């Protein structure tokens, strides 16, 4: 799943399910764990059709380009 997030830092659970052929239950559990440790951040504020942002990756890229 991490490889997928590097390619697509803005995702929904359904996109992960469809792309990686992982069950919805497994994806939802992974997303919860990734949110808890700060890898993913939910950005819609909705109860359904949530989008998640791979915050750490984007932060690293942003820091690396600040002085350019």
Protein backbone atom coordinates (compact mmCIF):
# COMPACT_ATOMS: atom_id res chain seq x y z
CA UNK A 1 0.00 0.00 0.00
CA UNK A 2 2.88 2.39 0.68
CA UNK A 3 4.12 2.05 -2.90
CA UNK A 4 0.63 2.96 -4.11
CA UNK A 5 0.58 6.03 -1.85
CA UNK A 6 3.87 7.27 -3.28
CA UNK A 7 2.27 7.15 -6.73
CA UNK A 8 -1.04 8.64 -5.58
CA UNK A 9 -0.76 10.76 -2.43
CA UNK A 10 -4.48 11.67 -2.57
CA UNK A 11 -6.70 8.57 -2.46
CA UNK A 12 -9.99 7.10 -1.34
CA UNK A 13 -10.44 3.70 0.26
CA UNK A 14 -12.32 2.47 -2.80
CA UNK A 15 -9.40 3.44 -5.06
CA UNK A 16 -7.07 1.38 -2.87
CA UNK A 17 -9.47 -1.59 -2.93
CA UNK A 18 -9.84 -1.45 -6.72
CA UNK A 19 -6.16 -0.93 -7.50
CA UNK A 20 -4.58 -3.35 -5.04
CA UNK A 21 -7.34 -5.99 -5.01
CA UNK A 22 -7.46 -5.95 -1.20
CA UNK A 23 -10.73 -6.45 0.67
CA UNK A 24 -12.61 -3.39 1.86
CA UNK A 25 -12.29 -4.56 5.47
CA UNK A 26 -8.50 -4.87 5.16
CA UNK A 27 -8.14 -1.49 3.47
CA UNK A 28 -10.29 0.23 6.09
CA UNK A 29 -8.19 -1.30 8.87
CA UNK A 30 -4.94 -0.23 7.18
CA UNK A 31 -6.28 3.28 6.62
CA UNK A 32 -7.25 3.54 10.30
CA UNK A 33 -3.78 2.44 11.36
CA UNK A 34 -2.11 4.80 8.92
CA UNK A 35 -4.26 7.67 10.21
CA UNK A 36 -3.42 6.82 13.81
CA UNK A 37 0.34 6.96 13.19
CA UNK A 38 0.12 10.05 10.97
CA UNK A 39 0.85 8.57 7.56
CA UNK A 40 -2.59 9.41 6.18
CA UNK A 41 -4.80 12.39 6.95
CA UNK A 42 -8.52 12.46 6.13
CA UNK A 43 -9.28 15.72 4.33
CA UNK A 44 -13.00 15.78 3.47
CA UNK A 45 -14.59 15.78 6.92
CA UNK A 46 -17.32 13.51 5.54
CA UNK A 47 -18.63 10.28 7.01
CA UNK A 48 -18.69 8.63 3.57
CA UNK A 49 -16.64 9.02 0.40
CA UNK A 50 -13.61 10.16 2.35
CA UNK A 51 -10.36 11.17 0.71
CA UNK A 52 -7.02 10.63 2.37
CA UNK A 53 -3.83 12.59 1.92
CA UNK A 54 -0.36 11.03 2.24
CA UNK A 55 0.78 13.93 4.39
CA UNK A 56 4.28 12.77 5.31
CA UNK A 57 5.29 12.31 1.69
CA UNK A 58 4.02 15.69 0.60
CA UNK A 59 5.68 17.35 3.62
CA UNK A 60 9.03 15.79 2.69
CA UNK A 61 8.70 16.95 -0.92
CA UNK A 62 7.71 20.45 0.21
CA UNK A 63 10.69 20.76 2.55
CA UNK A 64 13.00 19.57 -0.18
CA UNK A 65 11.85 22.27 -2.59
CA UNK A 66 11.59 25.27 -0.26
CA UNK A 67 14.96 26.73 -1.21
CA UNK A 68 14.55 26.33 -4.95
